N, C-alpha and C. Protein backbone atom coordinates (compact mmCIF):
# COMPACT_ATOMS: atom_id res chain seq x y z
N UNK A 1 -39.85 75.31 -26.77
CA UNK A 1 -41.26 75.39 -26.70
C UNK A 1 -41.61 76.69 -26.58
N UNK A 2 -42.91 76.31 -27.85
CA UNK A 2 -43.69 77.93 -27.97
C UNK A 2 -44.68 77.95 -26.49
N UNK A 3 -45.32 79.78 -26.81
CA UNK A 3 -46.43 79.90 -25.65
C UNK A 3 -47.84 79.10 -26.11
N UNK A 4 -47.99 78.63 -27.20
CA UNK A 4 -49.10 77.78 -27.30
C UNK A 4 -48.81 75.93 -26.56
N UNK A 5 -47.89 75.81 -26.94
CA UNK A 5 -47.46 74.77 -26.54
C UNK A 5 -47.76 74.57 -24.69
N UNK A 6 -46.70 75.27 -24.35
CA UNK A 6 -47.05 75.53 -23.19
C UNK A 6 -48.03 75.73 -22.11
N UNK A 7 -48.58 76.22 -22.81
CA UNK A 7 -50.25 76.79 -22.32
C UNK A 7 -50.90 75.42 -22.18
N UNK A 8 -51.05 74.67 -23.54
CA UNK A 8 -51.51 72.99 -23.26
C UNK A 8 -50.99 72.62 -22.43
N UNK A 9 -50.14 71.73 -21.83
CA UNK A 9 -48.73 71.24 -20.50
C UNK A 9 -49.64 71.57 -19.55
N UNK A 10 -49.54 73.11 -19.54
CA UNK A 10 -50.10 73.48 -18.23
C UNK A 10 -51.25 73.24 -17.57
N UNK A 11 -52.17 73.02 -18.47
CA UNK A 11 -53.94 73.43 -18.84
C UNK A 11 -54.03 71.42 -18.89
N UNK A 12 -52.80 70.86 -18.88
CA UNK A 12 -52.39 69.18 -18.82
C UNK A 12 -52.57 68.89 -17.42
N UNK A 13 -51.63 70.07 -16.69
CA UNK A 13 -50.81 69.73 -15.52
C UNK A 13 -52.24 70.42 -14.27
N UNK A 14 -52.80 71.35 -15.01
CA UNK A 14 -53.65 72.00 -13.80
C UNK A 14 -55.28 70.97 -13.82
N UNK A 15 -55.55 70.41 -14.72
CA UNK A 15 -56.20 68.94 -14.92
C UNK A 15 -55.73 68.35 -13.99
N UNK A 16 -54.87 67.84 -14.16
CA UNK A 16 -53.97 66.59 -13.27
C UNK A 16 -54.18 67.13 -11.76
N UNK A 17 -54.50 68.29 -11.58
CA UNK A 17 -53.63 68.27 -9.62
C UNK A 17 -55.29 68.34 -10.34
N UNK A 18 -56.53 68.95 -10.59
CA UNK A 18 -57.48 68.77 -9.84
C UNK A 18 -58.13 67.43 -9.71
N UNK A 19 -58.08 67.00 -10.97
CA UNK A 19 -58.35 65.12 -10.73
C UNK A 19 -58.19 65.12 -9.16
N UNK A 20 -56.80 64.98 -8.67
CA UNK A 20 -56.29 64.44 -7.63
C UNK A 20 -57.06 65.57 -6.72
N UNK A 21 -56.97 66.55 -6.53
CA UNK A 21 -57.76 66.88 -5.23
C UNK A 21 -59.54 66.77 -5.09
N UNK A 22 -59.67 66.38 -6.55
CA UNK A 22 -61.23 65.45 -6.76
C UNK A 22 -61.03 64.06 -6.28
N UNK A 23 -60.39 63.40 -6.34
CA UNK A 23 -60.21 61.98 -5.59
C UNK A 23 -60.03 62.07 -3.24
N UNK A 24 -59.23 62.98 -3.48
CA UNK A 24 -59.31 63.24 -2.44
C UNK A 24 -60.17 63.62 -1.50
N UNK A 25 -61.00 63.85 -2.07
CA UNK A 25 -62.44 64.77 -1.97
C UNK A 25 -63.41 63.50 -1.62
N UNK A 26 -63.40 63.22 -3.14
CA UNK A 26 -64.27 61.95 -3.21
C UNK A 26 -64.55 60.86 -2.43
N UNK A 27 -63.29 60.01 -1.98
CA UNK A 27 -62.86 58.78 -1.74
C UNK A 27 -62.47 58.98 -0.59
N UNK A 28 -62.49 60.33 0.12
CA UNK A 28 -62.43 60.66 1.91
C UNK A 28 -61.03 59.98 2.08
N UNK A 29 -59.75 59.79 0.91
CA UNK A 29 -58.58 60.07 1.42
C UNK A 29 -57.83 60.55 2.66
N UNK A 30 -57.21 59.70 3.00
CA UNK A 30 -56.53 60.16 4.20
C UNK A 30 -54.51 60.73 3.87
N UNK A 31 -53.76 60.65 4.19
CA UNK A 31 -52.43 60.88 4.02
C UNK A 31 -51.95 60.83 5.04
N UNK A 32 -50.79 59.71 5.78
CA UNK A 32 -50.56 60.10 6.62
C UNK A 32 -48.79 60.41 6.85
N UNK A 33 -47.77 60.61 7.80
CA UNK A 33 -46.10 60.44 7.93
C UNK A 33 -45.87 60.70 9.08
N UNK A 34 -45.26 59.94 9.15
CA UNK A 34 -44.45 59.15 10.33
C UNK A 34 -43.59 59.74 10.77
N UNK A 35 -42.44 60.62 11.57
CA UNK A 35 -41.27 61.39 11.37
C UNK A 35 -40.27 60.45 13.07
N UNK A 36 -39.58 59.53 12.52
CA UNK A 36 -39.34 59.51 13.76
C UNK A 36 -39.64 57.61 13.66
N UNK A 37 -39.39 58.46 15.40
CA UNK A 37 -40.44 56.42 15.71
C UNK A 37 -41.93 57.59 16.46
N UNK A 38 -41.93 58.06 16.59
CA UNK A 38 -43.20 59.13 17.51
C UNK A 38 -44.34 58.54 16.24
N UNK A 39 -45.46 59.44 16.89
CA UNK A 39 -47.21 59.09 16.43
C UNK A 39 -47.15 59.53 14.61
N UNK A 40 -48.27 58.88 14.05
CA UNK A 40 -48.35 58.79 12.79
C UNK A 40 -49.18 59.83 12.89
N UNK A 41 -48.78 60.94 11.81
CA UNK A 41 -49.59 62.96 11.21
C UNK A 41 -49.99 62.81 10.45
N UNK A 42 -51.46 62.88 10.59
CA UNK A 42 -52.49 63.65 9.50
C UNK A 42 -51.66 64.81 8.38
N UNK A 43 -51.73 64.18 7.09
CA UNK A 43 -51.19 65.65 6.30
C UNK A 43 -52.23 65.45 5.67
N UNK A 44 -53.38 64.57 5.17
CA UNK A 44 -54.31 65.03 4.46
C UNK A 44 -54.51 67.19 3.89
N UNK A 45 -54.45 67.59 4.66
CA UNK A 45 -55.02 68.58 4.39
C UNK A 45 -53.69 70.06 4.02
N UNK A 46 -52.33 69.17 4.67
CA UNK A 46 -50.79 69.64 3.83
C UNK A 46 -51.12 69.88 2.13
N UNK A 47 -51.20 68.11 1.94
CA UNK A 47 -51.70 67.62 0.68
C UNK A 47 -52.76 69.11 -0.39
N UNK A 48 -53.64 68.53 0.33
CA UNK A 48 -54.82 69.81 -0.52
C UNK A 48 -54.32 70.57 -0.69
N UNK A 49 -53.72 71.68 0.50
CA UNK A 49 -53.06 73.06 0.57
C UNK A 49 -52.25 72.99 -0.70
N UNK A 50 -51.59 71.92 -0.41
CA UNK A 50 -50.01 72.48 -1.95
C UNK A 50 -50.92 72.14 -3.83
N UNK A 51 -51.98 70.71 -3.33
CA UNK A 51 -52.49 70.82 -4.68
C UNK A 51 -53.42 72.79 -5.04
N UNK A 52 -54.28 72.82 -3.93
CA UNK A 52 -54.56 74.34 -4.39
C UNK A 52 -53.41 75.12 -5.24
N UNK A 53 -52.30 75.29 -4.45
CA UNK A 53 -51.22 76.27 -4.47
C UNK A 53 -50.45 75.73 -6.53
N UNK A 54 -50.97 74.57 -6.46
CA UNK A 54 -50.03 74.45 -7.92
C UNK A 54 -51.60 74.49 -8.55
N UNK A 55 -52.59 74.44 -8.28
CA UNK A 55 -54.13 74.74 -9.34
C UNK A 55 -53.53 76.38 -9.58
N UNK A 56 -54.13 76.97 -8.21
CA UNK A 56 -53.31 78.40 -8.81
C UNK A 56 -52.53 79.44 -8.99
N UNK A 57 -51.95 78.80 -9.34
CA UNK A 57 -50.10 78.55 -9.76
C UNK A 57 -50.46 78.18 -11.36
N UNK A 58 -50.70 76.78 -11.55
CA UNK A 58 -50.44 76.75 -13.43
C UNK A 58 -51.63 77.94 -13.96
N UNK A 59 -53.11 77.99 -13.19
CA UNK A 59 -54.12 78.71 -13.87
C UNK A 59 -53.51 80.27 -14.42
N UNK A 60 -52.73 81.46 -13.36
CA UNK A 60 -52.54 82.18 -13.52
C UNK A 60 -51.55 81.92 -14.66
N UNK A 61 -50.67 81.11 -13.87
CA UNK A 61 -49.23 81.48 -16.36
C UNK A 61 -50.09 81.11 -16.99
N UNK A 62 -51.30 80.44 -17.30
CA UNK A 62 -52.33 80.50 -18.21
C UNK A 62 -52.46 81.37 -18.26
N UNK A 63 -53.65 82.42 -17.46
CA UNK A 63 -54.00 83.70 -17.79
C UNK A 63 -52.93 84.39 -18.35
N UNK A 64 -52.00 84.63 -17.87
CA UNK A 64 -50.43 85.07 -18.61
C UNK A 64 -50.58 85.63 -20.21
N UNK A 65 -50.39 84.11 -20.31
CA UNK A 65 -50.32 83.02 -21.88
C UNK A 65 -51.67 84.02 -22.61
N UNK A 66 -52.61 83.59 -21.90
CA UNK A 66 -53.56 83.87 -22.91
C UNK A 66 -54.05 85.61 -22.91
N UNK A 67 -52.88 86.52 -22.62
CA UNK A 67 -53.41 87.69 -22.38
C UNK A 67 -51.94 88.06 -22.89
N UNK A 68 -50.75 87.55 -22.92
CA UNK A 68 -49.73 87.59 -24.39
C UNK A 68 -50.20 87.23 -26.10
N UNK A 69 -50.73 86.26 -26.01
CA UNK A 69 -51.23 85.19 -26.87
C UNK A 69 -53.02 85.75 -27.64
N UNK A 70 -53.76 86.77 -26.41
CA UNK A 70 -54.16 87.33 -26.96
C UNK A 70 -55.75 86.50 -26.83
N UNK A 71 -56.46 85.63 -26.80
CA UNK A 71 -56.56 84.35 -26.26
C UNK A 71 -58.01 85.08 -25.36
């Protein structure tokens, strides 16, 4: 895969994560996890933080590819 195709692939992934994050915020979606027989834990903020990390990572990679390609 050449850099231009890789860049486009990463831009699509970045947009997907931004859309997922927007959906969580817009719909006030909550995510829960149960460990063993314990109570449910709200993990929504953990998921949102993970999406933010993915967005930052893809943005940084795209910036590096842009620098290499001179975009």
